[in-house]
N, C-alpha and C. Protein backbone atom coordinates (compact mmCIF):
# COMPACT_ATOMS: atom_id res chain seq x y z
N UNK A 1 19.04 -11.69 -5.01
CA UNK A 1 17.63 -11.37 -5.22
C UNK A 1 17.35 -10.07 -4.47
N UNK A 2 16.75 -9.11 -5.19
CA UNK A 2 16.48 -7.84 -4.59
C UNK A 2 15.20 -7.85 -3.73
N UNK A 3 14.98 -6.82 -3.00
CA UNK A 3 13.89 -6.68 -2.10
C UNK A 3 12.54 -6.84 -2.74
N UNK A 4 12.33 -6.18 -3.87
CA UNK A 4 11.04 -6.26 -4.58
C UNK A 4 10.75 -7.71 -5.09
N UNK A 5 11.75 -8.41 -5.52
CA UNK A 5 11.55 -9.75 -6.02
C UNK A 5 11.16 -10.63 -4.79
N UNK A 6 11.85 -10.44 -3.65
CA UNK A 6 11.45 -11.25 -2.45
C UNK A 6 10.06 -10.97 -1.99
N UNK A 7 9.68 -9.67 -2.00
CA UNK A 7 8.27 -9.32 -1.60
C UNK A 7 7.29 -9.95 -2.58
N UNK A 8 7.58 -9.95 -3.88
CA UNK A 8 6.67 -10.59 -4.82
C UNK A 8 6.59 -12.13 -4.57
N UNK A 9 7.70 -12.70 -4.31
CA UNK A 9 7.64 -14.21 -4.08
C UNK A 9 6.87 -14.45 -2.79
N UNK A 10 7.08 -13.66 -1.70
CA UNK A 10 6.36 -13.83 -0.46
C UNK A 10 4.85 -13.69 -0.69
N UNK A 11 4.47 -12.67 -1.48
CA UNK A 11 3.08 -12.38 -1.75
C UNK A 11 2.42 -13.54 -2.47
N UNK A 12 3.17 -14.13 -3.45
CA UNK A 12 2.58 -15.24 -4.24
C UNK A 12 2.43 -16.49 -3.43
N UNK A 13 3.29 -16.69 -2.40
CA UNK A 13 3.20 -17.92 -1.62
C UNK A 13 2.23 -17.82 -0.45
N UNK A 14 2.00 -16.59 0.10
CA UNK A 14 1.20 -16.43 1.27
C UNK A 14 -0.08 -15.65 0.97
N UNK A 15 -0.77 -15.99 -0.03
CA UNK A 15 -1.98 -15.30 -0.43
C UNK A 15 -3.16 -16.23 -0.31
N UNK A 16 -4.10 -16.06 0.70
CA UNK A 16 -5.20 -16.96 0.83
C UNK A 16 -6.24 -16.64 -0.26
N UNK A 17 -6.93 -17.74 -0.64
CA UNK A 17 -7.89 -17.60 -1.73
C UNK A 17 -9.04 -16.65 -1.36
N UNK A 18 -9.47 -16.55 -0.16
CA UNK A 18 -10.57 -15.62 0.13
C UNK A 18 -10.19 -14.17 -0.05
N UNK A 19 -8.88 -13.86 -0.05
CA UNK A 19 -8.45 -12.50 -0.38
C UNK A 19 -8.74 -12.18 -1.85
N UNK A 20 -8.86 -13.12 -2.74
CA UNK A 20 -9.18 -12.93 -4.15
C UNK A 20 -10.59 -12.39 -4.21
N UNK A 21 -11.49 -12.85 -3.38
CA UNK A 21 -12.88 -12.36 -3.32
C UNK A 21 -12.87 -10.91 -2.79
N UNK A 22 -12.03 -10.60 -1.81
CA UNK A 22 -11.89 -9.21 -1.35
C UNK A 22 -11.33 -8.34 -2.45
N UNK A 23 -10.33 -8.84 -3.21
CA UNK A 23 -9.76 -8.03 -4.33
C UNK A 23 -10.84 -7.76 -5.37
N UNK A 24 -11.67 -8.70 -5.69
CA UNK A 24 -12.71 -8.50 -6.70
C UNK A 24 -13.72 -7.51 -6.21
N UNK A 25 -14.09 -7.65 -4.93
CA UNK A 25 -15.05 -6.70 -4.32
C UNK A 25 -14.47 -5.32 -4.25
N UNK A 26 -13.18 -5.16 -3.97
CA UNK A 26 -12.55 -3.86 -3.96
C UNK A 26 -12.53 -3.25 -5.35
N UNK A 27 -12.27 -4.04 -6.35
CA UNK A 27 -12.32 -3.59 -7.78
C UNK A 27 -13.76 -3.09 -8.17
N UNK A 28 -14.71 -3.85 -7.74
CA UNK A 28 -16.13 -3.39 -8.08
C UNK A 28 -16.41 -2.10 -7.29
N UNK A 29 -16.02 -1.99 -6.08
CA UNK A 29 -16.22 -0.79 -5.25
C UNK A 29 -15.50 0.45 -5.94
N UNK A 30 -14.28 0.22 -6.39
CA UNK A 30 -13.57 1.38 -7.01
C UNK A 30 -14.19 1.76 -8.35
N UNK A 31 -14.71 0.79 -9.13
CA UNK A 31 -15.40 1.15 -10.38
C UNK A 31 -16.64 1.96 -10.06
N UNK A 32 -17.38 1.57 -9.06
CA UNK A 32 -18.60 2.30 -8.66
C UNK A 32 -18.27 3.73 -8.20
N UNK A 33 -17.20 3.81 -7.40
CA UNK A 33 -16.76 5.16 -6.90
C UNK A 33 -16.33 5.98 -8.09
N UNK A 34 -15.72 5.44 -9.06
CA UNK A 34 -15.29 6.17 -10.24
C UNK A 34 -16.46 6.77 -10.98
N UNK A 35 -17.55 5.97 -11.13
CA UNK A 35 -18.72 6.41 -11.79
C UNK A 35 -19.42 7.49 -10.93
N UNK A 36 -19.49 7.24 -9.60
CA UNK A 36 -20.09 8.27 -8.74
C UNK A 36 -19.28 9.62 -8.80
N UNK A 37 -17.97 9.47 -8.95
CA UNK A 37 -17.09 10.67 -8.97
C UNK A 37 -17.49 11.51 -10.19
N UNK A 38 -17.76 10.89 -11.32
CA UNK A 38 -18.13 11.60 -12.53
C UNK A 38 -19.40 12.45 -12.29
N UNK A 39 -20.36 11.83 -11.63
CA UNK A 39 -21.61 12.54 -11.34
C UNK A 39 -21.50 13.64 -10.36
N UNK A 40 -20.48 13.61 -9.46
CA UNK A 40 -20.29 14.67 -8.47
C UNK A 40 -18.94 15.34 -8.67
N UNK A 41 -18.40 15.39 -9.88
CA UNK A 41 -17.07 15.91 -10.10
C UNK A 41 -16.97 17.34 -9.73
N UNK A 42 -17.90 18.17 -10.10
CA UNK A 42 -17.75 19.62 -9.81
C UNK A 42 -17.75 19.94 -8.32
N UNK A 43 -18.63 19.28 -7.60
CA UNK A 43 -18.66 19.53 -6.09
C UNK A 43 -17.42 19.01 -5.45
N UNK A 44 -16.92 17.84 -5.85
CA UNK A 44 -15.69 17.37 -5.24
C UNK A 44 -14.45 18.17 -5.59
N UNK A 45 -14.41 18.56 -6.84
CA UNK A 45 -13.25 19.38 -7.27
C UNK A 45 -13.29 20.78 -6.59
N UNK A 46 -14.50 21.25 -6.27
CA UNK A 46 -14.59 22.52 -5.51
C UNK A 46 -14.13 22.37 -4.12
N UNK A 47 -14.35 21.19 -3.49
CA UNK A 47 -13.80 20.95 -2.15
C UNK A 47 -12.27 20.92 -2.19
N UNK A 48 -11.75 20.24 -3.21
CA UNK A 48 -10.30 20.14 -3.33
C UNK A 48 -9.70 21.54 -3.60
N UNK A 49 -10.32 22.29 -4.43
CA UNK A 49 -9.84 23.60 -4.79
C UNK A 49 -9.91 24.53 -3.57
N UNK A 50 -10.89 24.35 -2.69
CA UNK A 50 -11.00 25.21 -1.50
C UNK A 50 -9.85 25.01 -0.57
N UNK A 51 -9.38 23.77 -0.46
CA UNK A 51 -8.29 23.42 0.48
C UNK A 51 -6.95 23.53 -0.17
N UNK A 52 -6.84 23.32 -1.44
CA UNK A 52 -5.53 23.36 -2.23
C UNK A 52 -5.81 24.08 -3.51
N UNK A 53 -5.72 25.41 -3.53
CA UNK A 53 -6.05 26.13 -4.79
C UNK A 53 -5.05 25.77 -5.90
N UNK A 54 -5.50 25.54 -7.04
CA UNK A 54 -4.73 25.19 -8.22
C UNK A 54 -5.41 25.75 -9.47
N UNK A 55 -4.68 25.87 -10.54
CA UNK A 55 -5.24 26.36 -11.78
C UNK A 55 -6.39 25.47 -12.28
N UNK A 56 -7.32 26.07 -12.98
CA UNK A 56 -8.47 25.23 -13.49
C UNK A 56 -8.06 24.03 -14.37
N UNK A 57 -7.06 24.22 -15.17
CA UNK A 57 -6.59 23.08 -16.03
C UNK A 57 -6.06 21.94 -15.22
N UNK A 58 -5.34 22.22 -14.05
CA UNK A 58 -4.87 21.20 -13.20
C UNK A 58 -6.01 20.45 -12.51
N UNK A 59 -7.06 21.19 -12.19
CA UNK A 59 -8.29 20.58 -11.58
C UNK A 59 -8.93 19.63 -12.59
N UNK A 60 -9.00 20.06 -13.86
CA UNK A 60 -9.60 19.13 -14.92
C UNK A 60 -8.74 17.90 -15.03
N UNK A 61 -7.46 18.07 -15.10
CA UNK A 61 -6.54 16.88 -15.23
C UNK A 61 -6.67 15.97 -14.03
N UNK A 62 -6.77 16.57 -12.85
CA UNK A 62 -6.86 15.78 -11.65
C UNK A 62 -8.20 15.01 -11.69
N UNK A 63 -9.28 15.65 -12.03
CA UNK A 63 -10.56 14.99 -12.10
C UNK A 63 -10.57 13.85 -13.07
N UNK A 64 -10.02 14.00 -14.24
CA UNK A 64 -9.93 12.97 -15.22
C UNK A 64 -9.02 11.80 -14.76
N UNK A 65 -7.89 12.13 -14.13
CA UNK A 65 -6.99 11.12 -13.59
C UNK A 65 -7.74 10.22 -12.58
N UNK A 66 -8.51 10.86 -11.69
CA UNK A 66 -9.23 10.10 -10.68
C UNK A 66 -10.27 9.16 -11.34
N UNK A 67 -11.00 9.69 -12.31
CA UNK A 67 -12.02 8.86 -12.99
C UNK A 67 -11.38 7.67 -13.70
N UNK A 68 -10.37 7.92 -14.55
CA UNK A 68 -9.71 6.88 -15.32
C UNK A 68 -9.00 5.89 -14.39
N UNK A 69 -8.32 6.37 -13.38
CA UNK A 69 -7.61 5.49 -12.51
C UNK A 69 -8.61 4.60 -11.71
N UNK A 70 -9.67 5.14 -11.26
CA UNK A 70 -10.74 4.33 -10.55
C UNK A 70 -11.33 3.26 -11.46
N UNK A 71 -11.71 3.71 -12.65
CA UNK A 71 -12.36 2.78 -13.58
C UNK A 71 -11.39 1.68 -14.04
N UNK A 72 -10.27 2.09 -14.64
CA UNK A 72 -9.27 1.16 -15.18
C UNK A 72 -8.69 0.34 -14.02
N UNK A 73 -8.31 0.96 -12.99
CA UNK A 73 -7.74 0.29 -11.83
C UNK A 73 -8.70 -0.76 -11.20
N UNK A 74 -9.98 -0.32 -11.09
CA UNK A 74 -10.98 -1.28 -10.62
C UNK A 74 -11.16 -2.51 -11.50
N UNK A 75 -11.21 -2.30 -12.82
CA UNK A 75 -11.31 -3.42 -13.75
C UNK A 75 -10.07 -4.32 -13.68
N UNK A 76 -8.91 -3.72 -13.57
CA UNK A 76 -7.72 -4.53 -13.46
C UNK A 76 -7.70 -5.33 -12.11
N UNK A 77 -8.18 -4.70 -11.06
CA UNK A 77 -8.24 -5.44 -9.78
C UNK A 77 -9.27 -6.59 -9.88
N UNK A 78 -10.38 -6.35 -10.52
CA UNK A 78 -11.40 -7.42 -10.71
C UNK A 78 -10.78 -8.58 -11.46
N UNK A 79 -10.05 -8.32 -12.51
CA UNK A 79 -9.51 -9.35 -13.34
C UNK A 79 -8.25 -9.95 -12.69
N UNK A 80 -7.57 -9.23 -11.81
CA UNK A 80 -6.29 -9.70 -11.26
C UNK A 80 -5.15 -9.51 -12.16
N UNK A 81 -5.28 -8.58 -13.12
CA UNK A 81 -4.24 -8.35 -14.05
C UNK A 81 -3.49 -7.05 -13.64
N UNK A 82 -2.19 -7.12 -13.53
CA UNK A 82 -1.32 -6.02 -13.06
C UNK A 82 -1.91 -5.44 -11.81
N UNK A 83 -2.16 -6.34 -10.87
CA UNK A 83 -2.75 -5.94 -9.62
C UNK A 83 -1.94 -4.93 -8.84
N UNK A 84 -0.61 -5.17 -8.71
CA UNK A 84 0.16 -4.28 -7.95
C UNK A 84 0.19 -2.87 -8.53
N UNK A 85 0.27 -2.77 -9.83
CA UNK A 85 0.24 -1.42 -10.51
C UNK A 85 -1.13 -0.81 -10.30
N UNK A 86 -2.20 -1.57 -10.47
CA UNK A 86 -3.53 -1.05 -10.34
C UNK A 86 -3.79 -0.49 -8.96
N UNK A 87 -3.30 -1.25 -7.93
CA UNK A 87 -3.45 -0.82 -6.55
C UNK A 87 -2.59 0.41 -6.29
N UNK A 88 -1.36 0.44 -6.82
CA UNK A 88 -0.45 1.55 -6.60
C UNK A 88 -1.03 2.85 -7.15
N UNK A 89 -1.67 2.78 -8.30
CA UNK A 89 -2.21 4.12 -8.86
C UNK A 89 -3.42 4.61 -8.09
N UNK A 90 -4.06 3.72 -7.33
CA UNK A 90 -5.21 4.15 -6.47
C UNK A 90 -4.81 4.81 -5.17
N UNK A 91 -3.60 4.53 -4.63
CA UNK A 91 -3.26 5.02 -3.28
C UNK A 91 -3.19 6.53 -3.23
N UNK A 92 -2.59 7.28 -4.23
CA UNK A 92 -2.67 8.74 -4.08
C UNK A 92 -4.06 9.29 -4.10
N UNK A 93 -4.98 8.64 -4.84
CA UNK A 93 -6.37 9.14 -4.90
C UNK A 93 -7.04 8.94 -3.55
N UNK A 94 -6.82 7.77 -2.94
CA UNK A 94 -7.50 7.49 -1.64
C UNK A 94 -6.91 8.39 -0.57
N UNK A 95 -5.58 8.65 -0.63
CA UNK A 95 -4.96 9.60 0.31
C UNK A 95 -5.60 10.93 0.17
N UNK A 96 -5.75 11.38 -1.06
CA UNK A 96 -6.37 12.72 -1.32
C UNK A 96 -7.85 12.71 -0.81
N UNK A 97 -8.57 11.60 -0.96
CA UNK A 97 -9.88 11.54 -0.42
C UNK A 97 -9.92 11.66 1.10
N UNK A 98 -8.89 10.99 1.69
CA UNK A 98 -8.87 11.05 3.21
C UNK A 98 -8.54 12.52 3.67
N UNK A 99 -7.60 13.15 3.00
CA UNK A 99 -7.19 14.48 3.51
C UNK A 99 -8.05 15.67 2.95
N UNK A 100 -8.61 15.53 1.79
CA UNK A 100 -9.28 16.76 1.29
C UNK A 100 -10.77 16.59 1.28
N UNK A 101 -11.29 15.40 1.18
CA UNK A 101 -12.79 15.27 1.13
C UNK A 101 -13.42 14.83 2.45
N UNK A 102 -12.82 13.79 2.99
CA UNK A 102 -13.49 13.11 4.21
C UNK A 102 -13.25 13.89 5.47
N UNK A 103 -12.33 14.83 5.53
CA UNK A 103 -12.09 15.54 6.76
C UNK A 103 -13.11 16.59 7.02
N UNK A 104 -13.93 16.98 6.07
CA UNK A 104 -14.93 18.01 6.25
C UNK A 104 -16.25 17.43 6.76
N UNK A 105 -16.41 16.16 6.78
CA UNK A 105 -17.64 15.53 7.12
C UNK A 105 -17.55 14.93 8.51
N UNK A 106 -18.69 14.53 9.10
CA UNK A 106 -18.68 13.90 10.39
C UNK A 106 -18.08 12.55 10.30
N UNK A 107 -17.39 12.15 11.42
CA UNK A 107 -16.67 10.94 11.40
C UNK A 107 -17.59 9.71 11.61
N UNK A 108 -18.59 9.83 12.38
CA UNK A 108 -19.41 8.65 12.78
C UNK A 108 -20.80 8.75 12.26
N UNK A 109 -20.94 8.98 10.96
CA UNK A 109 -22.29 8.91 10.34
C UNK A 109 -22.66 7.47 10.05
N UNK A 110 -23.87 7.21 9.63
CA UNK A 110 -24.26 5.79 9.34
C UNK A 110 -23.31 5.10 8.39
N UNK A 111 -22.75 5.77 7.42
CA UNK A 111 -21.76 5.23 6.52
C UNK A 111 -20.51 6.10 6.60
N UNK A 112 -19.71 5.89 7.57
CA UNK A 112 -18.55 6.73 7.78
C UNK A 112 -17.53 6.65 6.62
N UNK A 113 -17.54 7.68 5.78
CA UNK A 113 -16.67 7.63 4.59
C UNK A 113 -15.18 7.64 4.94
N UNK A 114 -14.82 8.27 6.03
CA UNK A 114 -13.45 8.25 6.38
C UNK A 114 -12.97 6.84 6.80
N UNK A 115 -13.78 6.12 7.49
CA UNK A 115 -13.43 4.72 7.89
C UNK A 115 -13.36 3.85 6.57
N UNK A 116 -14.29 4.07 5.71
CA UNK A 116 -14.27 3.28 4.42
C UNK A 116 -13.03 3.55 3.64
N UNK A 117 -12.62 4.88 3.58
CA UNK A 117 -11.43 5.22 2.85
C UNK A 117 -10.17 4.65 3.49
N UNK A 118 -10.13 4.59 4.80
CA UNK A 118 -9.00 3.98 5.49
C UNK A 118 -8.96 2.46 5.19
N UNK A 119 -10.05 1.82 5.18
CA UNK A 119 -10.08 0.35 4.86
C UNK A 119 -9.62 0.14 3.48
N UNK A 120 -10.11 0.97 2.58
CA UNK A 120 -9.71 0.87 1.12
C UNK A 120 -8.20 1.11 0.98
N UNK A 121 -7.66 2.06 1.72
CA UNK A 121 -6.25 2.33 1.68
C UNK A 121 -5.45 1.15 2.21
N UNK A 122 -5.88 0.58 3.29
CA UNK A 122 -5.25 -0.61 3.83
C UNK A 122 -5.28 -1.74 2.89
N UNK A 123 -6.34 -2.04 2.27
CA UNK A 123 -6.43 -3.08 1.27
C UNK A 123 -5.59 -2.82 0.05
N UNK A 124 -5.54 -1.58 -0.43
CA UNK A 124 -4.69 -1.26 -1.55
C UNK A 124 -3.24 -1.51 -1.21
N UNK A 125 -2.77 -1.13 -0.10
CA UNK A 125 -1.41 -1.40 0.32
C UNK A 125 -1.17 -2.88 0.45
N UNK A 126 -2.17 -3.59 1.02
CA UNK A 126 -2.00 -5.07 1.06
C UNK A 126 -1.85 -5.68 -0.34
N UNK A 127 -2.63 -5.22 -1.32
CA UNK A 127 -2.54 -5.83 -2.66
C UNK A 127 -1.28 -5.30 -3.39
N UNK A 128 -0.74 -4.21 -3.02
CA UNK A 128 0.55 -3.81 -3.63
C UNK A 128 1.63 -4.76 -3.16
N UNK A 129 1.52 -5.18 -1.92
CA UNK A 129 2.53 -6.13 -1.33
C UNK A 129 2.24 -7.56 -1.76
N UNK A 130 1.02 -8.02 -1.57
CA UNK A 130 0.68 -9.44 -1.75
C UNK A 130 0.43 -9.80 -3.20
N UNK A 131 0.04 -8.92 -4.02
CA UNK A 131 -0.18 -9.25 -5.45
C UNK A 131 -1.63 -9.78 -5.71
N UNK A 132 -1.72 -10.52 -6.80
CA UNK A 132 -3.06 -10.88 -7.29
C UNK A 132 -3.70 -12.10 -6.68
N UNK A 133 -2.98 -13.15 -6.41
CA UNK A 133 -3.50 -14.35 -5.86
C UNK A 133 -3.74 -15.46 -6.91
N UNK A 134 -4.46 -16.46 -6.44
CA UNK A 134 -4.67 -17.65 -7.29
C UNK A 134 -5.65 -17.40 -8.42
N UNK A 135 -6.77 -16.72 -8.10
CA UNK A 135 -7.83 -16.44 -9.12
C UNK A 135 -7.59 -15.14 -9.80
N UNK A 136 -6.74 -15.23 -10.73
CA UNK A 136 -6.37 -13.91 -11.44
C UNK A 136 -5.97 -14.24 -12.93
N UNK A 137 -6.20 -13.31 -13.75
CA UNK A 137 -5.78 -13.35 -15.10
C UNK A 137 -4.31 -12.92 -15.16
N UNK A 138 -3.46 -13.82 -15.42
CA UNK A 138 -2.03 -13.61 -15.36
C UNK A 138 -1.54 -12.89 -16.69
N UNK A 139 -1.30 -11.59 -16.56
CA UNK A 139 -0.89 -10.87 -17.76
C UNK A 139 0.68 -10.69 -17.73
N UNK A 140 1.23 -10.64 -16.51
CA UNK A 140 2.64 -10.29 -16.41
C UNK A 140 3.54 -11.53 -16.21
N UNK A 141 2.96 -12.71 -16.15
CA UNK A 141 3.76 -13.94 -15.92
C UNK A 141 3.46 -14.94 -16.99
N UNK A 142 4.45 -15.68 -17.46
CA UNK A 142 4.18 -16.69 -18.49
C UNK A 142 3.38 -17.88 -17.94
């Protein structure tokens, strides 16, 4: 039995039901952030371009990747379908948010976005390891 199979089995056996509620809330949060990203795409892409200059076409691709990944990944997390893949595609986006967007703002505002991003990153890593849980739409298992 390889390491990934053992991690999957451990995650399926040690997943409390209340974490399913957290998974659903995280999926809703990511969907909302995806929609908010579309409304603020030009400002956020300007911040990324200021720190990491890239061609305009690459910025357009990056912006659309973030939107589609947040929306589709959030829906998959809500349903519990392909949870590990949905969480895995979110991790680079959240890391980018931590390094490129949230470092320019104050750390201890009323809604500290850096702290929220770190919590989301921690939860995404948890769901990559633990999987979907009991309350999930099983797409990848018979």
